[in-house]
Structures are given as C-alpha cells and as structure tokens.
Amino acid sequence: MFNIKGVDEKRCIEIFLSTLPYEVLIKPFKRDTKLQKKLAGFRLIKSACPPKKIIPILREEIIKGNVDSKSFVEEWKKIYKDIINQIENLTFEELDKKVHELLNLYAPEVVFSGILLLNDEGTISIIDNVLEMIEKKCTNEQVPDILESSGGEETAEKLKKVNKKLLKEIKKITGKID
C-alpha cells in the first residue's frame, strides 16, 4: 500500500503514522511482548515513550511484515473519514484542483496520507503537486503573520522549526521521485 513507485516507502509510512493519535500507535505494543522489548523498558505512556520513539519502530516492523498496516489504515479512515469522503470518488484532475482547498482545511501530512491511501498509479504526479503546494504554503514568512494575529509567538517558532524539517523532507522525496 505504501509502496508507490518513485516515493520512499519508509518516509510514506512515517508521514502516515505521524497523523495517527498516540492511542492507536501503541495498540501493537500492548498486544505483542516482542515489540514491547524494543522500547527498552519504557512504559507505554506518552510522556515516557513519545511518538518520536514509537514511529520508527512501527515503521520497521510494518516493512518487515511483523505488524499489519491494515489496522492502522482502518483507524486512519475512521478518524479522517471526512477527507476520505471528499477525495475517494474524484478523478485525478478533480483531485489535483481540490488539493489546495484540502491543504487549507487539513495538515499537509493528512492530505499526503489521504492521497497515499488512494493507492493509484496516477497519484505520483498529484503527490508531487501536493509537495510543491506544501513547500509554498510552509514558507517561514507566512507562519508568523498567521500566528502573531492570534498571539502565538511561541507556536510560531515551533512551526518554523517543523516547517524547516518538512521542507528538507519534501526536497528529499521530490529528489527521489525525479
């Protein structure tokens, strides 16, 4: 499902998992003691074992086939059923036009994950367009303007850091697509 020609499978899984809530991410660890051992004694609470620690382990286990990604996909579809309803019946041209609107409503990772779940060959060009739109939307000049009007200077700094990381990942992914 995450194996799309020209797109890094590991990065796709990572982006997808980052959109899921913590309670969903820890379910496989609660069921499988072998996975619990990989956390090296950390308790399954968000403060002791944050998603940053869980997502890479889950990503590798999904790639190896030890963890079934279908349960994560089902949970994602339940949580984000509104975006799935908006994009599942669209043609590629309609989806390409609607991407900008979706990016205004949802986080870029959510839109990216929704398009990945369509799992069609034509999504590579749409994913590329989404990445370009994310890059345009996530410029450092836009973030402070939006947040300073709402009084969130600390949040603006955090978003700047996140945006820089996203831009680096976008460049990596687009380089691999080309």
N, C-alpha and C. Protein backbone atom coordinates (compact mmCIF):
# COMPACT_ATOMS: atom_id res chain seq x y z
N MET A 1 0.81 -1.19 0.00
CA MET A 1 0.00 0.00 0.00
C MET A 1 0.86 1.26 0.00
N PHE A 2 1.95 1.26 0.77
CA PHE A 2 2.82 2.42 0.83
C PHE A 2 3.93 2.33 -0.20
N ASN A 3 3.92 1.27 -0.96
CA ASN A 3 4.97 1.03 -1.94
C ASN A 3 4.56 1.63 -3.28
N ILE A 4 4.78 2.93 -3.41
CA ILE A 4 4.44 3.64 -4.64
C ILE A 4 5.72 3.94 -5.38
N LYS A 5 5.72 3.62 -6.66
CA LYS A 5 6.91 3.78 -7.48
C LYS A 5 7.40 5.24 -7.44
N GLY A 6 8.67 5.40 -7.10
CA GLY A 6 9.27 6.72 -7.09
C GLY A 6 9.15 7.47 -5.77
N VAL A 7 8.51 6.88 -4.78
CA VAL A 7 8.35 7.55 -3.49
C VAL A 7 8.95 6.64 -2.41
N ASP A 8 9.71 7.22 -1.49
CA ASP A 8 10.36 6.47 -0.42
C ASP A 8 9.31 5.85 0.51
N GLU A 9 9.29 4.53 0.55
CA GLU A 9 8.29 3.81 1.34
C GLU A 9 8.41 4.12 2.83
N LYS A 10 9.63 4.19 3.33
CA LYS A 10 9.84 4.47 4.74
C LYS A 10 9.27 5.83 5.12
N ARG A 11 9.53 6.81 4.28
CA ARG A 11 9.05 8.17 4.57
C ARG A 11 7.52 8.22 4.50
N CYS A 12 6.94 7.52 3.54
CA CYS A 12 5.47 7.48 3.42
C CYS A 12 4.85 6.89 4.68
N ILE A 13 5.41 5.80 5.16
CA ILE A 13 4.89 5.16 6.37
C ILE A 13 5.04 6.09 7.57
N GLU A 14 6.18 6.76 7.65
CA GLU A 14 6.43 7.68 8.75
C GLU A 14 5.42 8.83 8.76
N ILE A 15 5.19 9.42 7.60
CA ILE A 15 4.22 10.52 7.50
C ILE A 15 2.83 10.01 7.88
N PHE A 16 2.47 8.85 7.36
CA PHE A 16 1.16 8.27 7.66
C PHE A 16 0.99 8.04 9.16
N LEU A 17 1.98 7.40 9.79
CA LEU A 17 1.88 7.10 11.22
C LEU A 17 1.85 8.37 12.07
N SER A 18 2.51 9.42 11.60
CA SER A 18 2.54 10.67 12.38
C SER A 18 1.17 11.33 12.47
N THR A 19 0.25 10.94 11.60
CA THR A 19 -1.10 11.53 11.63
C THR A 19 -2.03 10.80 12.58
N LEU A 20 -1.60 9.66 13.09
CA LEU A 20 -2.45 8.86 13.98
C LEU A 20 -2.27 9.28 15.44
N PRO A 21 -3.33 9.18 16.25
CA PRO A 21 -3.20 9.50 17.67
C PRO A 21 -2.37 8.46 18.41
N TYR A 22 -1.85 8.85 19.54
CA TYR A 22 -0.96 8.01 20.35
C TYR A 22 -1.62 6.68 20.73
N GLU A 23 -2.89 6.72 21.06
CA GLU A 23 -3.61 5.51 21.49
C GLU A 23 -3.61 4.45 20.40
N VAL A 24 -3.67 4.88 19.15
CA VAL A 24 -3.66 3.94 18.02
C VAL A 24 -2.25 3.39 17.82
N LEU A 25 -1.25 4.25 17.98
CA LEU A 25 0.13 3.83 17.76
C LEU A 25 0.59 2.77 18.76
N ILE A 26 0.10 2.82 19.99
CA ILE A 26 0.59 1.88 21.00
C ILE A 26 -0.16 0.55 21.03
N LYS A 27 -1.24 0.42 20.28
CA LYS A 27 -2.01 -0.83 20.28
C LYS A 27 -1.16 -2.06 19.97
N PRO A 28 -0.31 -2.05 18.92
CA PRO A 28 0.50 -3.25 18.66
C PRO A 28 1.47 -3.58 19.79
N PHE A 29 1.95 -2.56 20.50
CA PHE A 29 2.87 -2.79 21.61
C PHE A 29 2.16 -3.45 22.78
N LYS A 30 0.90 -3.13 22.97
CA LYS A 30 0.13 -3.73 24.06
C LYS A 30 -0.15 -5.20 23.79
N ARG A 31 -0.27 -5.56 22.52
CA ARG A 31 -0.60 -6.94 22.15
C ARG A 31 0.63 -7.84 22.04
N ASP A 32 1.77 -7.29 21.64
CA ASP A 32 2.95 -8.10 21.31
C ASP A 32 4.10 -7.79 22.27
N THR A 33 4.50 -8.79 23.05
CA THR A 33 5.59 -8.59 24.01
C THR A 33 6.93 -8.40 23.33
N LYS A 34 7.12 -8.96 22.14
CA LYS A 34 8.37 -8.76 21.41
C LYS A 34 8.55 -7.29 21.04
N LEU A 35 7.46 -6.64 20.67
CA LEU A 35 7.53 -5.21 20.36
C LEU A 35 7.80 -4.40 21.62
N GLN A 36 7.24 -4.81 22.74
CA GLN A 36 7.46 -4.10 23.99
C GLN A 36 8.94 -4.09 24.36
N LYS A 37 9.62 -5.18 24.06
CA LYS A 37 11.05 -5.27 24.36
C LYS A 37 11.86 -4.27 23.55
N LYS A 38 11.38 -3.93 22.37
CA LYS A 38 12.10 -2.97 21.52
C LYS A 38 12.06 -1.56 22.11
N LEU A 39 11.13 -1.31 23.00
CA LEU A 39 11.07 0.00 23.64
C LEU A 39 12.03 0.10 24.83
N ALA A 40 12.76 -0.95 25.10
CA ALA A 40 13.82 -0.98 26.10
C ALA A 40 13.36 -0.49 27.48
N GLY A 41 12.26 -1.02 27.95
CA GLY A 41 11.83 -0.74 29.31
C GLY A 41 11.01 0.51 29.51
N PHE A 42 10.71 1.24 28.47
CA PHE A 42 9.87 2.43 28.63
C PHE A 42 8.42 2.01 28.83
N ARG A 43 7.73 2.74 29.67
CA ARG A 43 6.31 2.45 29.88
C ARG A 43 5.51 3.02 28.71
N LEU A 44 4.38 2.42 28.45
CA LEU A 44 3.54 2.85 27.33
C LEU A 44 2.64 4.02 27.72
N ILE A 45 3.28 5.11 28.09
CA ILE A 45 2.57 6.36 28.31
C ILE A 45 3.27 7.42 27.48
N LYS A 46 2.53 8.41 27.08
CA LYS A 46 3.03 9.39 26.11
C LYS A 46 4.27 10.12 26.61
N SER A 47 4.32 10.44 27.89
CA SER A 47 5.47 11.19 28.41
C SER A 47 6.73 10.32 28.47
N ALA A 48 6.58 9.03 28.77
CA ALA A 48 7.74 8.15 28.87
C ALA A 48 8.19 7.63 27.52
N CYS A 49 7.26 7.45 26.61
CA CYS A 49 7.57 6.87 25.31
C CYS A 49 6.83 7.66 24.23
N PRO A 50 7.39 8.80 23.80
CA PRO A 50 6.69 9.66 22.85
C PRO A 50 6.61 9.04 21.46
N PRO A 51 5.72 9.57 20.61
CA PRO A 51 5.58 9.06 19.25
C PRO A 51 6.90 9.06 18.46
N LYS A 52 7.81 10.00 18.77
CA LYS A 52 9.12 10.01 18.09
C LYS A 52 9.85 8.70 18.27
N LYS A 53 9.65 8.06 19.39
CA LYS A 53 10.32 6.79 19.68
C LYS A 53 9.55 5.61 19.09
N ILE A 54 8.23 5.71 19.05
CA ILE A 54 7.39 4.60 18.60
C ILE A 54 7.33 4.49 17.08
N ILE A 55 7.21 5.61 16.39
CA ILE A 55 7.00 5.60 14.93
C ILE A 55 8.12 4.89 14.18
N PRO A 56 9.42 5.15 14.46
CA PRO A 56 10.46 4.41 13.72
C PRO A 56 10.40 2.89 13.94
N ILE A 57 10.06 2.48 15.16
CA ILE A 57 9.95 1.05 15.43
C ILE A 57 8.79 0.45 14.65
N LEU A 58 7.65 1.12 14.68
CA LEU A 58 6.49 0.63 13.93
C LEU A 58 6.77 0.60 12.43
N ARG A 59 7.44 1.63 11.93
CA ARG A 59 7.76 1.69 10.50
C ARG A 59 8.57 0.47 10.08
N GLU A 60 9.60 0.15 10.84
CA GLU A 60 10.43 -1.01 10.50
C GLU A 60 9.65 -2.32 10.61
N GLU A 61 8.81 -2.43 11.61
CA GLU A 61 8.02 -3.65 11.78
C GLU A 61 6.97 -3.81 10.67
N ILE A 62 6.42 -2.70 10.20
CA ILE A 62 5.48 -2.76 9.07
C ILE A 62 6.21 -3.21 7.82
N ILE A 63 7.39 -2.67 7.58
CA ILE A 63 8.18 -3.05 6.40
C ILE A 63 8.56 -4.52 6.45
N LYS A 64 8.94 -5.01 7.64
CA LYS A 64 9.29 -6.42 7.79
C LYS A 64 8.07 -7.33 7.70
N GLY A 65 6.89 -6.79 7.91
CA GLY A 65 5.67 -7.59 7.87
C GLY A 65 5.25 -8.13 9.22
N ASN A 66 5.92 -7.70 10.28
CA ASN A 66 5.59 -8.18 11.63
C ASN A 66 4.36 -7.48 12.21
N VAL A 67 4.07 -6.28 11.73
CA VAL A 67 2.89 -5.53 12.17
C VAL A 67 2.04 -5.28 10.94
N ASP A 68 0.76 -5.56 11.07
CA ASP A 68 -0.16 -5.38 9.95
C ASP A 68 -0.58 -3.92 9.83
N SER A 69 -0.34 -3.35 8.68
CA SER A 69 -0.68 -1.93 8.47
C SER A 69 -2.18 -1.73 8.26
N LYS A 70 -2.91 -2.80 7.99
CA LYS A 70 -4.35 -2.68 7.72
C LYS A 70 -5.11 -2.09 8.92
N SER A 71 -4.72 -2.47 10.12
CA SER A 71 -5.41 -1.92 11.30
C SER A 71 -5.16 -0.42 11.43
N PHE A 72 -3.96 0.03 11.09
CA PHE A 72 -3.66 1.46 11.11
C PHE A 72 -4.47 2.20 10.04
N VAL A 73 -4.57 1.58 8.88
CA VAL A 73 -5.33 2.20 7.78
C VAL A 73 -6.80 2.32 8.16
N GLU A 74 -7.35 1.26 8.76
CA GLU A 74 -8.75 1.29 9.19
C GLU A 74 -8.99 2.39 10.22
N GLU A 75 -8.08 2.50 11.19
CA GLU A 75 -8.20 3.56 12.20
C GLU A 75 -8.09 4.94 11.56
N TRP A 76 -7.16 5.09 10.61
CA TRP A 76 -6.97 6.38 9.93
C TRP A 76 -8.25 6.75 9.19
N LYS A 77 -8.84 5.77 8.52
CA LYS A 77 -10.07 6.04 7.76
C LYS A 77 -11.23 6.42 8.68
N LYS A 78 -11.27 5.84 9.89
CA LYS A 78 -12.31 6.22 10.85
C LYS A 78 -12.10 7.66 11.32
N ILE A 79 -10.87 8.00 11.62
CA ILE A 79 -10.56 9.32 12.16
C ILE A 79 -10.75 10.40 11.10
N TYR A 80 -10.27 10.14 9.90
CA TYR A 80 -10.29 11.14 8.83
C TYR A 80 -11.29 10.77 7.73
N LYS A 81 -12.45 10.26 8.14
CA LYS A 81 -13.43 9.84 7.15
C LYS A 81 -13.92 11.00 6.29
N ASP A 82 -13.88 12.21 6.83
CA ASP A 82 -14.32 13.36 6.05
C ASP A 82 -13.41 13.63 4.86
N ILE A 83 -12.10 13.51 5.03
CA ILE A 83 -11.20 13.72 3.89
C ILE A 83 -11.30 12.57 2.90
N ILE A 84 -11.48 11.36 3.40
CA ILE A 84 -11.64 10.20 2.51
C ILE A 84 -12.90 10.37 1.67
N ASN A 85 -13.99 10.80 2.29
CA ASN A 85 -15.23 11.03 1.54
C ASN A 85 -15.06 12.09 0.47
N GLN A 86 -14.21 13.08 0.73
CA GLN A 86 -14.01 14.16 -0.24
C GLN A 86 -13.15 13.74 -1.42
N ILE A 87 -12.22 12.82 -1.21
CA ILE A 87 -11.27 12.52 -2.30
C ILE A 87 -11.45 11.17 -2.97
N GLU A 88 -12.16 10.23 -2.36
CA GLU A 88 -12.17 8.87 -2.91
C GLU A 88 -12.85 8.74 -4.27
N ASN A 89 -13.82 9.54 -4.57
CA ASN A 89 -14.54 9.40 -5.84
C ASN A 89 -14.13 10.44 -6.88
N LEU A 90 -13.07 11.18 -6.61
CA LEU A 90 -12.63 12.21 -7.53
C LEU A 90 -11.73 11.64 -8.62
N THR A 91 -11.81 12.22 -9.81
CA THR A 91 -10.85 11.87 -10.85
C THR A 91 -9.54 12.57 -10.50
N PHE A 92 -8.48 12.21 -11.21
CA PHE A 92 -7.18 12.81 -10.92
C PHE A 92 -7.18 14.31 -11.16
N GLU A 93 -7.88 14.75 -12.20
CA GLU A 93 -7.95 16.18 -12.49
C GLU A 93 -8.69 16.92 -11.38
N GLU A 94 -9.81 16.36 -10.93
CA GLU A 94 -10.58 16.98 -9.85
C GLU A 94 -9.78 17.01 -8.56
N LEU A 95 -9.08 15.91 -8.28
CA LEU A 95 -8.27 15.82 -7.07
C LEU A 95 -7.14 16.84 -7.11
N ASP A 96 -6.52 16.97 -8.27
CA ASP A 96 -5.43 17.92 -8.43
C ASP A 96 -5.91 19.35 -8.15
N LYS A 97 -7.12 19.67 -8.58
CA LYS A 97 -7.68 21.00 -8.35
C LYS A 97 -8.09 21.19 -6.88
N LYS A 98 -8.51 20.12 -6.23
CA LYS A 98 -9.02 20.20 -4.86
C LYS A 98 -7.92 20.18 -3.80
N VAL A 99 -6.71 19.83 -4.19
CA VAL A 99 -5.61 19.70 -3.23
C VAL A 99 -5.38 21.00 -2.46
N HIS A 100 -5.38 22.12 -3.15
CA HIS A 100 -5.13 23.41 -2.49
C HIS A 100 -6.18 23.68 -1.41
N GLU A 101 -7.43 23.40 -1.73
CA GLU A 101 -8.52 23.57 -0.75
C GLU A 101 -8.32 22.64 0.44
N LEU A 102 -7.92 21.40 0.18
CA LEU A 102 -7.70 20.43 1.26
C LEU A 102 -6.55 20.86 2.17
N LEU A 103 -5.51 21.45 1.58
CA LEU A 103 -4.38 21.91 2.39
C LEU A 103 -4.78 23.07 3.30
N ASN A 104 -5.79 23.81 2.93
CA ASN A 104 -6.28 24.87 3.81
C ASN A 104 -7.10 24.31 4.96
N LEU A 105 -7.70 23.15 4.76
CA LEU A 105 -8.55 22.54 5.79
C LEU A 105 -7.81 21.57 6.70
N TYR A 106 -6.81 20.88 6.16
CA TYR A 106 -6.13 19.81 6.88
C TYR A 106 -4.62 20.05 6.90
N ALA A 107 -3.95 19.37 7.81
CA ALA A 107 -2.49 19.41 7.86
C ALA A 107 -1.93 18.75 6.60
N PRO A 108 -0.78 19.21 6.13
CA PRO A 108 -0.19 18.63 4.91
C PRO A 108 0.02 17.12 5.00
N GLU A 109 0.38 16.63 6.19
CA GLU A 109 0.59 15.19 6.36
C GLU A 109 -0.70 14.41 6.19
N VAL A 110 -1.81 14.99 6.61
CA VAL A 110 -3.11 14.32 6.49
C VAL A 110 -3.51 14.23 5.02
N VAL A 111 -3.31 15.32 4.28
CA VAL A 111 -3.63 15.32 2.85
C VAL A 111 -2.74 14.32 2.13
N PHE A 112 -1.45 14.33 2.45
CA PHE A 112 -0.49 13.40 1.86
C PHE A 112 -0.92 11.96 2.12
N SER A 113 -1.28 11.66 3.36
CA SER A 113 -1.71 10.30 3.73
C SER A 113 -2.98 9.89 3.01
N GLY A 114 -3.92 10.81 2.90
CA GLY A 114 -5.17 10.51 2.20
C GLY A 114 -4.93 10.15 0.75
N ILE A 115 -4.04 10.89 0.10
CA ILE A 115 -3.72 10.60 -1.30
C ILE A 115 -2.97 9.28 -1.42
N LEU A 116 -2.09 8.99 -0.45
CA LEU A 116 -1.39 7.70 -0.47
C LEU A 116 -2.36 6.54 -0.36
N LEU A 117 -3.40 6.70 0.43
CA LEU A 117 -4.36 5.61 0.62
C LEU A 117 -5.19 5.34 -0.63
N LEU A 118 -5.24 6.30 -1.54
CA LEU A 118 -5.92 6.05 -2.82
C LEU A 118 -5.20 4.96 -3.59
N ASN A 119 -3.87 4.92 -3.45
CA ASN A 119 -3.03 3.86 -3.99
C ASN A 119 -3.23 3.62 -5.48
N ASP A 120 -3.26 4.68 -6.25
CA ASP A 120 -3.36 4.58 -7.71
C ASP A 120 -2.05 5.03 -8.34
N GLU A 121 -1.81 4.56 -9.55
CA GLU A 121 -0.58 4.91 -10.25
C GLU A 121 -0.49 6.41 -10.54
N GLY A 122 -1.59 7.05 -10.80
CA GLY A 122 -1.59 8.46 -11.13
C GLY A 122 -1.32 9.38 -9.95
N THR A 123 -1.28 8.81 -8.74
CA THR A 123 -1.09 9.66 -7.56
C THR A 123 0.31 10.23 -7.46
N ILE A 124 1.27 9.68 -8.18
CA ILE A 124 2.64 10.21 -8.10
C ILE A 124 2.67 11.67 -8.53
N SER A 125 2.01 11.99 -9.62
CA SER A 125 2.00 13.38 -10.06
C SER A 125 1.24 14.27 -9.09
N ILE A 126 0.17 13.75 -8.51
CA ILE A 126 -0.60 14.52 -7.54
C ILE A 126 0.20 14.70 -6.26
N ILE A 127 0.90 13.64 -5.83
CA ILE A 127 1.76 13.75 -4.64
C ILE A 127 2.82 14.81 -4.87
N ASP A 128 3.39 14.82 -6.06
CA ASP A 128 4.39 15.84 -6.40
C ASP A 128 3.79 17.23 -6.30
N ASN A 129 2.57 17.39 -6.81
CA ASN A 129 1.88 18.69 -6.72
C ASN A 129 1.59 19.07 -5.27
N VAL A 130 1.19 18.09 -4.46
CA VAL A 130 0.93 18.36 -3.05
C VAL A 130 2.22 18.81 -2.36
N LEU A 131 3.31 18.15 -2.67
CA LEU A 131 4.58 18.53 -2.07
C LEU A 131 4.99 19.94 -2.46
N GLU A 132 4.75 20.31 -3.72
CA GLU A 132 5.04 21.68 -4.15
C GLU A 132 4.17 22.68 -3.41
N MET A 133 2.89 22.35 -3.26
CA MET A 133 1.98 23.25 -2.54
C MET A 133 2.36 23.36 -1.07
N ILE A 134 2.77 22.24 -0.49
CA ILE A 134 3.22 22.27 0.91
C ILE A 134 4.43 23.18 1.04
N GLU A 135 5.35 23.06 0.10
CA GLU A 135 6.55 23.88 0.12
C GLU A 135 6.20 25.36 0.03
N LYS A 136 5.26 25.70 -0.85
CA LYS A 136 4.83 27.10 -0.99
C LYS A 136 4.11 27.57 0.27
N LYS A 137 3.27 26.70 0.83
CA LYS A 137 2.46 27.07 1.98
C LYS A 137 3.30 27.20 3.25
N CYS A 138 4.38 26.46 3.34
CA CYS A 138 5.16 26.40 4.57
C CYS A 138 6.37 27.32 4.57
N THR A 139 6.30 28.43 3.90
CA THR A 139 7.42 29.37 3.94
C THR A 139 7.46 30.04 5.29
N ASN A 140 8.64 30.39 5.72
CA ASN A 140 8.81 30.99 7.05
C ASN A 140 8.16 32.36 7.17
N GLU A 141 7.96 33.07 6.07
CA GLU A 141 7.35 34.40 6.16
C GLU A 141 5.86 34.31 6.46
N GLN A 142 5.19 33.28 6.00
CA GLN A 142 3.75 33.18 6.18
C GLN A 142 3.36 32.80 7.61
N VAL A 143 4.13 31.95 8.25
CA VAL A 143 3.77 31.43 9.56
C VAL A 143 3.65 32.52 10.61
N PRO A 144 4.62 33.44 10.77
CA PRO A 144 4.47 34.46 11.81
C PRO A 144 3.27 35.37 11.57
N ASP A 145 2.97 35.71 10.32
CA ASP A 145 1.83 36.58 10.03
C ASP A 145 0.53 35.95 10.52
N ILE A 146 0.38 34.68 10.30
CA ILE A 146 -0.85 33.99 10.70
C ILE A 146 -0.95 33.91 12.22
N LEU A 147 0.16 33.55 12.88
CA LEU A 147 0.10 33.29 14.31
C LEU A 147 0.22 34.54 15.17
N GLU A 148 0.92 35.56 14.70
CA GLU A 148 1.03 36.77 15.50
C GLU A 148 -0.32 37.44 15.65
N SER A 149 -1.17 37.30 14.66
CA SER A 149 -2.51 37.88 14.78
C SER A 149 -3.33 37.15 15.84
N SER A 150 -2.98 35.89 16.12
CA SER A 150 -3.69 35.14 17.16
C SER A 150 -2.91 35.13 18.48
N GLY A 151 -1.74 35.79 18.52
CA GLY A 151 -0.97 35.91 19.76
C GLY A 151 -0.14 34.69 20.10
N GLY A 152 0.25 33.89 19.16
CA GLY A 152 1.01 32.68 19.44
C GLY A 152 2.44 32.75 18.96
N GLU A 153 3.28 33.57 19.61
CA GLU A 153 4.67 33.72 19.17
C GLU A 153 5.48 32.45 19.39
N GLU A 154 5.26 31.78 20.54
CA GLU A 154 5.97 30.52 20.80
C GLU A 154 5.59 29.47 19.77
N THR A 155 4.33 29.42 19.45
CA THR A 155 3.85 28.47 18.46
C THR A 155 4.45 28.77 17.10
N ALA A 156 4.62 30.05 16.79
CA ALA A 156 5.22 30.44 15.51
C ALA A 156 6.64 29.90 15.41
N GLU A 157 7.40 29.99 16.49
CA GLU A 157 8.77 29.48 16.49
C GLU A 157 8.79 27.96 16.30
N LYS A 158 7.89 27.28 16.98
CA LYS A 158 7.81 25.83 16.85
C LYS A 158 7.45 25.44 15.42
N LEU A 159 6.50 26.17 14.84
CA LEU A 159 6.09 25.87 13.47
C LEU A 159 7.20 26.16 12.47
N LYS A 160 8.00 27.17 12.73
CA LYS A 160 9.14 27.46 11.85
C LYS A 160 10.08 26.26 11.81
N LYS A 161 10.36 25.69 12.99
CA LYS A 161 11.24 24.52 13.06
C LYS A 161 10.63 23.33 12.33
N VAL A 162 9.35 23.10 12.55
CA VAL A 162 8.66 21.99 11.88
C VAL A 162 8.66 22.20 10.38
N ASN A 163 8.41 23.44 9.94
CA ASN A 163 8.38 23.73 8.51
C ASN A 163 9.74 23.51 7.87
N LYS A 164 10.80 23.87 8.57
CA LYS A 164 12.15 23.63 8.02
C LYS A 164 12.38 22.13 7.83
N LYS A 165 11.97 21.34 8.83
CA LYS A 165 12.12 19.89 8.71
C LYS A 165 11.28 19.35 7.56
N LEU A 166 10.04 19.84 7.43
CA LEU A 166 9.18 19.39 6.34
C LEU A 166 9.76 19.75 4.99
N LEU A 167 10.31 20.95 4.87
CA LEU A 167 10.90 21.36 3.59
C LEU A 167 12.08 20.46 3.22
N LYS A 168 12.89 20.08 4.22
CA LYS A 168 14.01 19.17 3.95
C LYS A 168 13.49 17.82 3.46
N GLU A 169 12.46 17.30 4.12
CA GLU A 169 11.90 16.01 3.73
C GLU A 169 11.24 16.08 2.36
N ILE A 170 10.60 17.19 2.06
CA ILE A 170 9.98 17.37 0.74
C ILE A 170 11.04 17.35 -0.34
N LYS A 171 12.14 18.02 -0.10
CA LYS A 171 13.22 18.04 -1.09
C LYS A 171 13.80 16.65 -1.30
N LYS A 172 13.94 15.88 -0.20
CA LYS A 172 14.42 14.51 -0.33
C LYS A 172 13.48 13.66 -1.17
N ILE A 173 12.18 13.76 -0.87
CA ILE A 173 11.18 12.96 -1.58
C ILE A 173 11.10 13.35 -3.04
N THR A 174 11.07 14.65 -3.32
CA THR A 174 10.99 15.08 -4.72
C THR A 174 12.25 14.69 -5.48
N GLY A 175 13.39 14.68 -4.81
CA GLY A 175 14.62 14.23 -5.45
C GLY A 175 14.56 12.76 -5.82
N LYS A 176 13.93 11.96 -4.98
CA LYS A 176 13.80 10.53 -5.26
C LYS A 176 12.75 10.25 -6.32
N ILE A 177 11.74 11.11 -6.42
CA ILE A 177 10.72 10.94 -7.46
C ILE A 177 11.30 11.22 -8.83
N ASP A 178 12.13 12.26 -8.92
CA ASP A 178 12.75 12.62 -10.20
C ASP A 178 13.71 11.54 -10.59
